[in-house]
Amino acid sequence: MNKEDKYTFLALPLLPVRLNALEAAWYLGFQPHEISILTGAGMLEPLGHPPANTPKFFSTESLAELRDNQKWLEKATDAISTYWRRKNGQKRAGRNGRTSPSSRAPGG
């Protein structure tokens, strides 16, 4: 989907009651790939009990509450920053031949 699709969607007078991850990202102002980060961090709850690696849907009503909650937006932004800091740290550690603490086997 392109930028025009995003703006057309956001201009709808009435949004659907259930949004997919891409639409949820547009609505909340995040990047589409950040929705899975927020879901994994427990910051966003999909509807129902979807199995892993299946499309997730979100309640527009719940997203509207989160969108208006500055504290949640701050925590969500911090969760994404933490995710990328950790991910990039693991990459750097791997390039330097070191093992990062999070990549070690438990108990070892």
PDB file of N, CA and C in Angstrom:
ATOM      1  N   MET A   1       0.838  -1.179   0.000  1.00  0.00           N
ATOM      2  CA  MET A   1       0.000   0.000   0.000  1.00  0.00           C
ATOM      3  C   MET A   1       0.881   1.239   0.000  1.00  0.00           C
ATOM      4  N   ASN A   2       0.362   2.283  -0.602  1.00  0.00           N
ATOM      5  CA  ASN A   2       1.156   3.496  -0.704  1.00  0.00           C
ATOM      6  C   ASN A   2       0.607   4.611   0.180  1.00  0.00           C
ATOM      7  N   LYS A   3       1.272   5.741   0.128  1.00  0.00           N
ATOM      8  CA  LYS A   3       0.900   6.886   0.958  1.00  0.00           C
ATOM      9  C   LYS A   3      -0.521   7.359   0.663  1.00  0.00           C
ATOM     10  N   GLU A   4      -0.904   7.309  -0.596  1.00  0.00           N
ATOM     11  CA  GLU A   4      -2.252   7.731  -0.970  1.00  0.00           C
ATOM     12  C   GLU A   4      -3.304   6.839  -0.310  1.00  0.00           C
ATOM     13  N   ASP A   5      -3.044   5.531  -0.259  1.00  0.00           N
ATOM     14  CA  ASP A   5      -3.961   4.595   0.408  1.00  0.00           C
ATOM     15  C   ASP A   5      -4.100   4.951   1.888  1.00  0.00           C
ATOM     16  N   LYS A   6      -2.984   5.305   2.509  1.00  0.00           N
ATOM     17  CA  LYS A   6      -2.992   5.666   3.920  1.00  0.00           C
ATOM     18  C   LYS A   6      -3.890   6.878   4.159  1.00  0.00           C
ATOM     19  N   TYR A   7      -3.699   7.917   3.370  1.00  0.00           N
ATOM     20  CA  TYR A   7      -4.477   9.141   3.576  1.00  0.00           C
ATOM     21  C   TYR A   7      -5.948   8.949   3.218  1.00  0.00           C
ATOM     22  N   THR A   8      -6.231   8.124   2.226  1.00  0.00           N
ATOM     23  CA  THR A   8      -7.617   7.808   1.889  1.00  0.00           C
ATOM     24  C   THR A   8      -8.283   7.076   3.049  1.00  0.00           C
ATOM     25  N   PHE A   9      -7.564   6.115   3.618  1.00  0.00           N
ATOM     26  CA  PHE A   9      -8.086   5.352   4.753  1.00  0.00           C
ATOM     27  C   PHE A   9      -8.344   6.263   5.953  1.00  0.00           C
ATOM     28  N   LEU A  10      -7.350   7.095   6.282  1.00  0.00           N
ATOM     29  CA  LEU A  10      -7.482   7.966   7.454  1.00  0.00           C
ATOM     30  C   LEU A  10      -8.565   9.032   7.273  1.00  0.00           C
ATOM     31  N   ALA A  11      -8.939   9.319   6.035  1.00  0.00           N
ATOM     32  CA  ALA A  11      -9.970  10.333   5.768  1.00  0.00           C
ATOM     33  C   ALA A  11     -11.383   9.754   5.783  1.00  0.00           C
ATOM     34  N   LEU A  12     -11.505   8.446   5.962  1.00  0.00           N
ATOM     35  CA  LEU A  12     -12.847   7.845   6.002  1.00  0.00           C
ATOM     36  C   LEU A  12     -13.655   8.478   7.137  1.00  0.00           C
ATOM     37  N   PRO A  13     -14.911   8.792   6.879  1.00  0.00           N
ATOM     38  CA  PRO A  13     -15.713   9.394   7.951  1.00  0.00           C
ATOM     39  C   PRO A  13     -15.976   8.424   9.102  1.00  0.00           C
ATOM     40  N   LEU A  14     -15.989   7.147   8.798  1.00  0.00           N
ATOM     41  CA  LEU A  14     -16.217   6.128   9.824  1.00  0.00           C
ATOM     42  C   LEU A  14     -15.281   4.959   9.529  1.00  0.00           C
ATOM     43  N   LEU A  15     -14.377   4.690  10.469  1.00  0.00           N
ATOM     44  CA  LEU A  15     -13.437   3.585  10.278  1.00  0.00           C
ATOM     45  C   LEU A  15     -14.113   2.260  10.600  1.00  0.00           C
ATOM     46  N   PRO A  16     -13.635   1.168  10.001  1.00  0.00           N
ATOM     47  CA  PRO A  16     -14.155  -0.147  10.371  1.00  0.00           C
ATOM     48  C   PRO A  16     -13.905  -0.403  11.860  1.00  0.00           C
ATOM     49  N   VAL A  17     -14.686  -1.263  12.478  1.00  0.00           N
ATOM     50  CA  VAL A  17     -14.519  -1.531  13.910  1.00  0.00           C
ATOM     51  C   VAL A  17     -13.323  -2.443  14.180  1.00  0.00           C
ATOM     52  N   ARG A  18     -12.838  -3.090  13.139  1.00  0.00           N
ATOM     53  CA  ARG A  18     -11.701  -4.002  13.266  1.00  0.00           C
ATOM     54  C   ARG A  18     -10.662  -3.606  12.225  1.00  0.00           C
ATOM     55  N   LEU A  19      -9.430  -3.358  12.688  1.00  0.00           N
ATOM     56  CA  LEU A  19      -8.357  -2.940  11.795  1.00  0.00           C
ATOM     57  C   LEU A  19      -7.263  -3.991  11.746  1.00  0.00           C
ATOM     58  N   ASN A  20      -6.683  -4.172  10.555  1.00  0.00           N
ATOM     59  CA  ASN A  20      -5.535  -5.071  10.468  1.00  0.00           C
ATOM     60  C   ASN A  20      -4.292  -4.326  10.947  1.00  0.00           C
ATOM     61  N   ALA A  21      -3.157  -4.989  10.976  1.00  0.00           N
ATOM     62  CA  ALA A  21      -1.938  -4.395  11.534  1.00  0.00           C
ATOM     63  C   ALA A  21      -1.506  -3.146  10.761  1.00  0.00           C
ATOM     64  N   LEU A  22      -1.615  -3.166   9.448  1.00  0.00           N
ATOM     65  CA  LEU A  22      -1.237  -2.006   8.647  1.00  0.00           C
ATOM     66  C   LEU A  22      -2.131  -0.813   8.967  1.00  0.00           C
ATOM     67  N   GLU A  23      -3.434  -1.048   9.011  1.00  0.00           N
ATOM     68  CA  GLU A  23      -4.380   0.029   9.323  1.00  0.00           C
ATOM     69  C   GLU A  23      -4.179   0.545  10.752  1.00  0.00           C
ATOM     70  N   ALA A  24      -3.907  -0.379  11.676  1.00  0.00           N
ATOM     71  CA  ALA A  24      -3.650   0.019  13.062  1.00  0.00           C
ATOM     72  C   ALA A  24      -2.412   0.906  13.138  1.00  0.00           C
ATOM     73  N   ALA A  25      -1.390   0.561  12.378  1.00  0.00           N
ATOM     74  CA  ALA A  25      -0.165   1.371  12.353  1.00  0.00           C
ATOM     75  C   ALA A  25      -0.475   2.767  11.828  1.00  0.00           C
ATOM     76  N   TRP A  26      -1.207   2.846  10.748  1.00  0.00           N
ATOM     77  CA  TRP A  26      -1.582   4.145  10.189  1.00  0.00           C
ATOM     78  C   TRP A  26      -2.350   4.957  11.222  1.00  0.00           C
ATOM     79  N   TYR A  27      -3.315   4.316  11.854  1.00  0.00           N
ATOM     80  CA  TYR A  27      -4.191   5.002  12.801  1.00  0.00           C
ATOM     81  C   TYR A  27      -3.427   5.524  14.020  1.00  0.00           C
ATOM     82  N   LEU A  28      -2.474   4.725  14.504  1.00  0.00           N
ATOM     83  CA  LEU A  28      -1.717   5.105  15.697  1.00  0.00           C
ATOM     84  C   LEU A  28      -0.501   5.982  15.383  1.00  0.00           C
ATOM     85  N   GLY A  29      -0.099   6.035  14.117  1.00  0.00           N
ATOM     86  CA  GLY A  29       1.059   6.842  13.750  1.00  0.00           C
ATOM     87  C   GLY A  29       2.381   6.112  13.874  1.00  0.00           C
ATOM     88  N   PHE A  30       2.344   4.787  13.837  1.00  0.00           N
ATOM     89  CA  PHE A  30       3.555   3.985  13.889  1.00  0.00           C
ATOM     90  C   PHE A  30       3.826   3.386  12.514  1.00  0.00           C
ATOM     91  N   GLN A  31       5.014   2.829  12.353  1.00  0.00           N
ATOM     92  CA  GLN A  31       5.353   2.115  11.132  1.00  0.00           C
ATOM     93  C   GLN A  31       4.703   0.723  11.197  1.00  0.00           C
ATOM     94  N   PRO A  32       4.329   0.165  10.057  1.00  0.00           N
ATOM     95  CA  PRO A  32       3.668  -1.158  10.080  1.00  0.00           C
ATOM     96  C   PRO A  32       4.456  -2.236  10.819  1.00  0.00           C
ATOM     97  N   HIS A  33       5.786  -2.269  10.661  1.00  0.00           N
ATOM     98  CA  HIS A  33       6.572  -3.313  11.335  1.00  0.00           C
ATOM     99  C   HIS A  33       6.632  -3.103  12.850  1.00  0.00           C
ATOM    100  N   GLU A  34       6.298  -1.922  13.324  1.00  0.00           N
ATOM    101  CA  GLU A  34       6.342  -1.653  14.761  1.00  0.00           C
ATOM    102  C   GLU A  34       5.137  -2.246  15.498  1.00  0.00           C
ATOM    103  N   ILE A  35       4.081  -2.563  14.775  1.00  0.00           N
ATOM    104  CA  ILE A  35       2.906  -3.159  15.409  1.00  0.00           C
ATOM    105  C   ILE A  35       3.263  -4.519  16.007  1.00  0.00           C
ATOM    106  N   SER A  36       4.040  -5.320  15.295  1.00  0.00           N
ATOM    107  CA  SER A  36       4.429  -6.628  15.848  1.00  0.00           C
ATOM    108  C   SER A  36       5.347  -6.453  17.057  1.00  0.00           C
ATOM    109  N   ILE A  37       6.166  -5.405  17.071  1.00  0.00           N
ATOM    110  CA  ILE A  37       7.019  -5.129  18.228  1.00  0.00           C
ATOM    111  C   ILE A  37       6.147  -4.790  19.435  1.00  0.00           C
ATOM    112  N   LEU A  38       5.152  -3.933  19.222  1.00  0.00           N
ATOM    113  CA  LEU A  38       4.265  -3.535  20.319  1.00  0.00           C
ATOM    114  C   LEU A  38       3.416  -4.709  20.802  1.00  0.00           C
ATOM    115  N   THR A  39       2.983  -5.552  19.890  1.00  0.00           N
ATOM    116  CA  THR A  39       2.204  -6.730  20.269  1.00  0.00           C
ATOM    117  C   THR A  39       3.080  -7.683  21.082  1.00  0.00           C
ATOM    118  N   GLY A  40       4.302  -7.898  20.629  1.00  0.00           N
ATOM    119  CA  GLY A  40       5.231  -8.771  21.347  1.00  0.00           C
ATOM    120  C   GLY A  40       5.588  -8.251  22.727  1.00  0.00           C
ATOM    121  N   ALA A  41       5.606  -6.931  22.870  1.00  0.00           N
ATOM    122  CA  ALA A  41       5.930  -6.313  24.160  1.00  0.00           C
ATOM    123  C   ALA A  41       4.714  -6.230  25.076  1.00  0.00           C
ATOM    124  N   GLY A  42       3.563  -6.699  24.602  1.00  0.00           N
ATOM    125  CA  GLY A  42       2.352  -6.651  25.414  1.00  0.00           C
ATOM    126  C   GLY A  42       1.704  -5.275  25.464  1.00  0.00           C
ATOM    127  N   MET A  43       2.110  -4.387  24.582  1.00  0.00           N
ATOM    128  CA  MET A  43       1.567  -3.028  24.562  1.00  0.00           C
ATOM    129  C   MET A  43       0.278  -2.937  23.733  1.00  0.00           C
ATOM    130  N   LEU A  44       0.076  -3.895  22.840  1.00  0.00           N
ATOM    131  CA  LEU A  44      -1.123  -3.956  21.998  1.00  0.00           C
ATOM    132  C   LEU A  44      -1.694  -5.360  22.079  1.00  0.00           C
ATOM    133  N   GLU A  45      -2.989  -5.454  22.234  1.00  0.00           N
ATOM    134  CA  GLU A  45      -3.642  -6.763  22.303  1.00  0.00           C
ATOM    135  C   GLU A  45      -4.496  -6.975  21.058  1.00  0.00           C
ATOM    136  N   PRO A  46      -4.205  -8.018  20.271  1.00  0.00           N
ATOM    137  CA  PRO A  46      -5.058  -8.300  19.123  1.00  0.00           C
ATOM    138  C   PRO A  46      -6.398  -8.865  19.582  1.00  0.00           C
ATOM    139  N   LEU A  47      -7.374  -8.798  18.710  1.00  0.00           N
ATOM    140  CA  LEU A  47      -8.682  -9.377  19.005  1.00  0.00           C
ATOM    141  C   LEU A  47      -8.598 -10.898  18.996  1.00  0.00           C
ATOM    142  N   GLY A  48      -9.342 -11.521  19.865  1.00  0.00           N
ATOM    143  CA  GLY A  48      -9.388 -12.975  19.913  1.00  0.00           C
ATOM    144  C   GLY A  48      -8.079 -13.568  20.402  1.00  0.00           C
ATOM    145  N   HIS A  49      -7.808 -14.778  19.942  1.00  0.00           N
ATOM    146  CA  HIS A  49      -6.596 -15.502  20.324  1.00  0.00           C
ATOM    147  C   HIS A  49      -5.919 -16.035  19.058  1.00  0.00           C
ATOM    148  N   PRO A  50      -5.375 -15.128  18.239  1.00  0.00           N
ATOM    149  CA  PRO A  50      -4.789 -15.584  16.973  1.00  0.00           C
ATOM    150  C   PRO A  50      -3.498 -16.361  17.196  1.00  0.00           C
ATOM    151  N   PRO A  51      -3.330 -17.462  16.480  1.00  0.00           N
ATOM    152  CA  PRO A  51      -2.069 -18.203  16.573  1.00  0.00           C
ATOM    153  C   PRO A  51      -0.914 -17.340  16.060  1.00  0.00           C
ATOM    154  N   ALA A  52       0.299 -17.716  16.448  1.00  0.00           N
ATOM    155  CA  ALA A  52       1.489 -16.999  15.961  1.00  0.00           C
ATOM    156  C   ALA A  52       1.532 -17.068  14.439  1.00  0.00           C
ATOM    157  N   ASN A  53       2.130 -16.085  13.842  1.00  0.00           N
ATOM    158  CA  ASN A  53       2.322 -16.023  12.391  1.00  0.00           C
ATOM    159  C   ASN A  53       1.018 -16.013  11.598  1.00  0.00           C
ATOM    160  N   THR A  54      -0.035 -15.475  12.183  1.00  0.00           N
ATOM    161  CA  THR A  54      -1.283 -15.270  11.451  1.00  0.00           C
ATOM    162  C   THR A  54      -1.636 -13.790  11.536  1.00  0.00           C
ATOM    163  N   PRO A  55      -2.447 -13.306  10.606  1.00  0.00           N
ATOM    164  CA  PRO A  55      -2.825 -11.888  10.658  1.00  0.00           C
ATOM    165  C   PRO A  55      -3.525 -11.547  11.973  1.00  0.00           C
ATOM    166  N   LYS A  56      -3.206 -10.378  12.479  1.00  0.00           N
ATOM    167  CA  LYS A  56      -3.815  -9.893  13.724  1.00  0.00           C
ATOM    168  C   LYS A  56      -4.764  -8.747  13.388  1.00  0.00           C
ATOM    169  N   PHE A  57      -5.840  -8.658  14.153  1.00  0.00           N
ATOM    170  CA  PHE A  57      -6.804  -7.576  14.008  1.00  0.00           C
ATOM    171  C   PHE A  57      -6.963  -6.892  15.355  1.00  0.00           C
ATOM    172  N   PHE A  58      -7.256  -5.602  15.305  1.00  0.00           N
ATOM    173  CA  PHE A  58      -7.330  -4.789  16.505  1.00  0.00           C
ATOM    174  C   PHE A  58      -8.626  -4.005  16.524  1.00  0.00           C
ATOM    175  N   SER A  59      -9.154  -3.784  17.708  1.00  0.00           N
ATOM    176  CA  SER A  59     -10.382  -3.024  17.895  1.00  0.00           C
ATOM    177  C   SER A  59     -10.103  -1.536  17.697  1.00  0.00           C
ATOM    178  N   THR A  60     -10.858  -0.917  16.819  1.00  0.00           N
ATOM    179  CA  THR A  60     -10.700   0.521  16.592  1.00  0.00           C
ATOM    180  C   THR A  60     -10.992   1.303  17.866  1.00  0.00           C
ATOM    181  N   GLU A  61     -11.969   0.854  18.627  1.00  0.00           N
ATOM    182  CA  GLU A  61     -12.311   1.537  19.881  1.00  0.00           C
ATOM    183  C   GLU A  61     -11.140   1.507  20.861  1.00  0.00           C
ATOM    184  N   SER A  62     -10.498   0.357  20.998  1.00  0.00           N
ATOM    185  CA  SER A  62      -9.341   0.251  21.894  1.00  0.00           C
ATOM    186  C   SER A  62      -8.176   1.088  21.391  1.00  0.00           C
ATOM    187  N   LEU A  63      -7.970   1.078  20.080  1.00  0.00           N
ATOM    188  CA  LEU A  63      -6.886   1.871  19.507  1.00  0.00           C
ATOM    189  C   LEU A  63      -7.133   3.363  19.702  1.00  0.00           C
ATOM    190  N   ALA A  64      -8.400   3.778  19.643  1.00  0.00           N
ATOM    191  CA  ALA A  64      -8.738   5.193  19.845  1.00  0.00           C
ATOM    192  C   ALA A  64      -8.368   5.625  21.262  1.00  0.00           C
ATOM    193  N   GLU A  65      -8.599   4.755  22.223  1.00  0.00           N
ATOM    194  CA  GLU A  65      -8.234   5.073  23.609  1.00  0.00           C
ATOM    195  C   GLU A  65      -6.717   5.200  23.754  1.00  0.00           C
ATOM    196  N   LEU A  66      -5.986   4.274  23.128  1.00  0.00           N
ATOM    197  CA  LEU A  66      -4.526   4.313  23.211  1.00  0.00           C
ATOM    198  C   LEU A  66      -3.976   5.548  22.496  1.00  0.00           C
ATOM    199  N   ARG A  67      -4.568   5.868  21.368  1.00  0.00           N
ATOM    200  CA  ARG A  67      -4.127   7.017  20.576  1.00  0.00           C
ATOM    201  C   ARG A  67      -4.228   8.324  21.362  1.00  0.00           C
ATOM    202  N   ASP A  68      -5.207   8.409  22.236  1.00  0.00           N
ATOM    203  CA  ASP A  68      -5.422   9.618  23.032  1.00  0.00           C
ATOM    204  C   ASP A  68      -4.686   9.599  24.368  1.00  0.00           C
ATOM    205  N   ASN A  69      -3.928   8.536  24.626  1.00  0.00           N
ATOM    206  CA  ASN A  69      -3.248   8.362  25.910  1.00  0.00           C
ATOM    207  C   ASN A  69      -1.753   8.662  25.742  1.00  0.00           C
ATOM    208  N   GLN A  70      -1.349   9.852  26.149  1.00  0.00           N
ATOM    209  CA  GLN A  70       0.040  10.261  25.959  1.00  0.00           C
ATOM    210  C   GLN A  70       1.013   9.351  26.701  1.00  0.00           C
ATOM    211  N   LYS A  71       0.654   8.913  27.889  1.00  0.00           N
ATOM    212  CA  LYS A  71       1.546   8.027  28.664  1.00  0.00           C
ATOM    213  C   LYS A  71       1.778   6.723  27.898  1.00  0.00           C
ATOM    214  N   TRP A  72       0.715   6.162  27.307  1.00  0.00           N
ATOM    215  CA  TRP A  72       0.856   4.930  26.537  1.00  0.00           C
ATOM    216  C   TRP A  72       1.731   5.173  25.312  1.00  0.00           C
ATOM    217  N   LEU A  73       1.518   6.295  24.630  1.00  0.00           N
ATOM    218  CA  LEU A  73       2.329   6.609  23.452  1.00  0.00           C
ATOM    219  C   LEU A  73       3.809   6.723  23.820  1.00  0.00           C
ATOM    220  N   GLU A  74       4.098   7.322  24.967  1.00  0.00           N
ATOM    221  CA  GLU A  74       5.485   7.420  25.422  1.00  0.00           C
ATOM    222  C   GLU A  74       6.065   6.042  25.699  1.00  0.00           C
ATOM    223  N   LYS A  75       5.303   5.192  26.383  1.00  0.00           N
ATOM    224  CA  LYS A  75       5.781   3.834  26.697  1.00  0.00           C
ATOM    225  C   LYS A  75       5.963   3.013  25.419  1.00  0.00           C
ATOM    226  N   ALA A  76       5.042   3.164  24.481  1.00  0.00           N
ATOM    227  CA  ALA A  76       5.136   2.426  23.221  1.00  0.00           C
ATOM    228  C   ALA A  76       6.367   2.871  22.437  1.00  0.00           C
ATOM    229  N   THR A  77       6.613   4.167  22.398  1.00  0.00           N
ATOM    230  CA  THR A  77       7.788   4.694  21.714  1.00  0.00           C
ATOM    231  C   THR A  77       9.063   4.189  22.379  1.00  0.00           C
ATOM    232  N   ASP A  78       9.078   4.173  23.706  1.00  0.00           N
ATOM    233  CA  ASP A  78      10.235   3.644  24.438  1.00  0.00           C
ATOM    234  C   ASP A  78      10.428   2.152  24.173  1.00  0.00           C
ATOM    235  N   ALA A  79       9.336   1.398  24.091  1.00  0.00           N
ATOM    236  CA  ALA A  79       9.427  -0.044  23.829  1.00  0.00           C
ATOM    237  C   ALA A  79      10.053  -0.303  22.460  1.00  0.00           C
ATOM    238  N   ILE A  80       9.702   0.501  21.484  1.00  0.00           N
ATOM    239  CA  ILE A  80      10.275   0.339  20.145  1.00  0.00           C
ATOM    240  C   ILE A  80      11.758   0.703  20.164  1.00  0.00           C
ATOM    241  N   SER A  81      12.108   1.784  20.836  1.00  0.00           N
ATOM    242  CA  SER A  81      13.521   2.179  20.944  1.00  0.00           C
ATOM    243  C   SER A  81      14.335   1.098  21.637  1.00  0.00           C
ATOM    244  N   THR A  82      13.796   0.540  22.713  1.00  0.00           N
ATOM    245  CA  THR A  82      14.479  -0.521  23.448  1.00  0.00           C
ATOM    246  C   THR A  82      14.674  -1.748  22.564  1.00  0.00           C
ATOM    247  N   TYR A  83      13.648  -2.105  21.809  1.00  0.00           N
ATOM    248  CA  TYR A  83      13.728  -3.254  20.904  1.00  0.00           C
ATOM    249  C   TYR A  83      14.898  -3.079  19.934  1.00  0.00           C
ATOM    250  N   TRP A  84      14.961  -1.899  19.283  1.00  0.00           N
ATOM    251  CA  TRP A  84      16.008  -1.683  18.283  1.00  0.00           C
ATOM    252  C   TRP A  84      17.384  -1.538  18.924  1.00  0.00           C
ATOM    253  N   ARG A  85      17.462  -0.950  20.094  1.00  0.00           N
ATOM    254  CA  ARG A  85      18.740  -0.847  20.798  1.00  0.00           C
ATOM    255  C   ARG A  85      19.277  -2.246  21.092  1.00  0.00           C
ATOM    256  N   ARG A  86      18.403  -3.119  21.589  1.00  0.00           N
ATOM    257  CA  ARG A  86      18.800  -4.492  21.907  1.00  0.00           C
ATOM    258  C   ARG A  86      19.186  -5.251  20.632  1.00  0.00           C
ATOM    259  N   LYS A  87      18.370  -5.113  19.608  1.00  0.00           N
ATOM    260  CA  LYS A  87      18.613  -5.813  18.343  1.00  0.00           C
ATOM    261  C   LYS A  87      19.939  -5.363  17.720  1.00  0.00           C
ATOM    262  N   ASN A  88      20.183  -4.053  17.689  1.00  0.00           N
ATOM    263  CA  ASN A  88      21.427  -3.537  17.129  1.00  0.00           C
ATOM    264  C   ASN A  88      22.628  -3.901  17.996  1.00  0.00           C
ATOM    265  N   GLY A  89      22.447  -3.949  19.303  1.00  0.00           N
ATOM    266  CA  GLY A  89      23.522  -4.365  20.197  1.00  0.00           C
ATOM    267  C   GLY A  89      23.920  -5.808  19.944  1.00  0.00           C
ATOM    268  N   GLN A  90      22.941  -6.660  19.684  1.00  0.00           N
ATOM    269  CA  GLN A  90      23.232  -8.063  19.386  1.00  0.00           C
ATOM    270  C   GLN A  90      23.993  -8.181  18.074  1.00  0.00           C
ATOM    271  N   LYS A  91      23.622  -7.373  17.093  1.00  0.00           N
ATOM    272  CA  LYS A  91      24.307  -7.383  15.807  1.00  0.00           C
ATOM    273  C   LYS A  91      25.774  -6.978  15.971  1.00  0.00           C
ATOM    274  N   ARG A  92      25.985  -5.884  16.720  1.00  0.00           N
ATOM    275  CA  ARG A  92      27.355  -5.399  16.950  1.00  0.00           C
ATOM    276  C   ARG A  92      28.174  -6.434  17.704  1.00  0.00           C
ATOM    277  N   ALA A  93      27.571  -7.052  18.703  1.00  0.00           N
ATOM    278  CA  ALA A  93      28.282  -8.065  19.483  1.00  0.00           C
ATOM    279  C   ALA A  93      28.667  -9.241  18.590  1.00  0.00           C
ATOM    280  N   GLY A  94      27.785  -9.621  17.677  1.00  0.00           N
ATOM    281  CA  GLY A  94      28.070 -10.720  16.756  1.00  0.00           C
ATOM    282  C   GLY A  94      29.198 -10.392  15.793  1.00  0.00           C
ATOM    283  N   ARG A  95      29.245  -9.148  15.342  1.00  0.00           N
ATOM    284  CA  ARG A  95      30.310  -8.727  14.422  1.00  0.00           C
ATOM    285  C   ARG A  95      31.661  -8.692  15.120  1.00  0.00           C
ATOM    286  N   ASN A  96      31.657  -8.406  16.407  1.00  0.00           N
ATOM    287  CA  ASN A  96      32.907  -8.328  17.171  1.00  0.00           C
ATOM    288  C   ASN A  96      33.323  -9.676  17.735  1.00  0.00           C
ATOM    289  N   GLY A  97      32.547 -10.726  17.440  1.00  0.00           N
ATOM    290  CA  GLY A  97      32.893 -12.055  17.918  1.00  0.00           C
ATOM    291  C   GLY A  97      32.555 -12.297  19.368  1.00  0.00           C
ATOM    292  N   ARG A  98      31.789 -11.392  19.967  1.00  0.00           N
ATOM    293  CA  ARG A  98      31.381 -11.560  21.363  1.00  0.00           C
ATOM    294  C   ARG A  98      29.982 -12.132  21.409  1.00  0.00           C
ATOM    295  N   THR A  99      29.683 -12.760  22.503  1.00  0.00           N
ATOM    296  CA  THR A  99      28.334 -13.261  22.739  1.00  0.00           C
ATOM    297  C   THR A  99      27.639 -12.296  23.675  1.00  0.00           C
ATOM    298  N   SER A 100      26.475 -11.813  23.248  1.00  0.00           N
ATOM    299  CA  SER A 100      25.735 -10.896  24.112  1.00  0.00           C
ATOM    300  C   SER A 100      25.014 -11.692  25.189  1.00  0.00           C
ATOM    301  N   PRO A 101      24.739 -11.081  26.342  1.00  0.00           N
ATOM    302  CA  PRO A 101      24.087 -11.813  27.433  1.00  0.00           C
ATOM    303  C   PRO A 101      22.753 -12.424  27.029  1.00  0.00           C
ATOM    304  N   SER A 102      22.018 -11.772  26.143  1.00  0.00           N
ATOM    305  CA  SER A 102      20.705 -12.308  25.784  1.00  0.00           C
ATOM    306  C   SER A 102      20.795 -13.462  24.810  1.00  0.00           C
ATOM    307  N   SER A 103      21.973 -13.694  24.194  1.00  0.00           N
ATOM    308  CA  SER A 103      22.090 -14.802  23.246  1.00  0.00           C
ATOM    309  C   SER A 103      22.723 -16.041  23.873  1.00  0.00           C
ATOM    310  N   ARG A 104      23.112 -15.942  25.139  1.00  0.00           N
ATOM    311  CA  ARG A 104      23.668 -17.108  25.833  1.00  0.00           C
ATOM    312  C   ARG A 104      22.554 -18.049  26.247  1.00  0.00           C
ATOM    313  N   ALA A 105      22.888 -19.318  26.311  1.00  0.00           N
ATOM    314  CA  ALA A 105      21.905 -20.322  26.760  1.00  0.00           C
ATOM    315  C   ALA A 105      21.625 -20.121  28.230  1.00  0.00           C
ATOM    316  N   PRO A 106      20.376 -20.335  28.655  1.00  0.00           N
ATOM    317  CA  PRO A 106      20.053 -20.204  30.077  1.00  0.00           C
ATOM    318  C   PRO A 106      20.876 -21.166  30.918  1.00  0.00           C
ATOM    319  N   GLY A 107      21.307 -20.661  32.062  1.00  0.00           N
ATOM    320  CA  GLY A 107      22.052 -21.502  32.979  1.00  0.00           C
ATOM    321  C   GLY A 107      23.490 -21.732  32.567  1.00  0.00           C
ATOM    322  N   GLY A 108      23.927 -21.040  31.492  1.00  0.00           N
ATOM    323  CA  GLY A 108      25.268 -21.318  31.016  1.00  0.00           C
ATOM    324  C   GLY A 108      26.190 -20.231  31.123  1.00  0.00           C
TER     325      GLY A 108
END
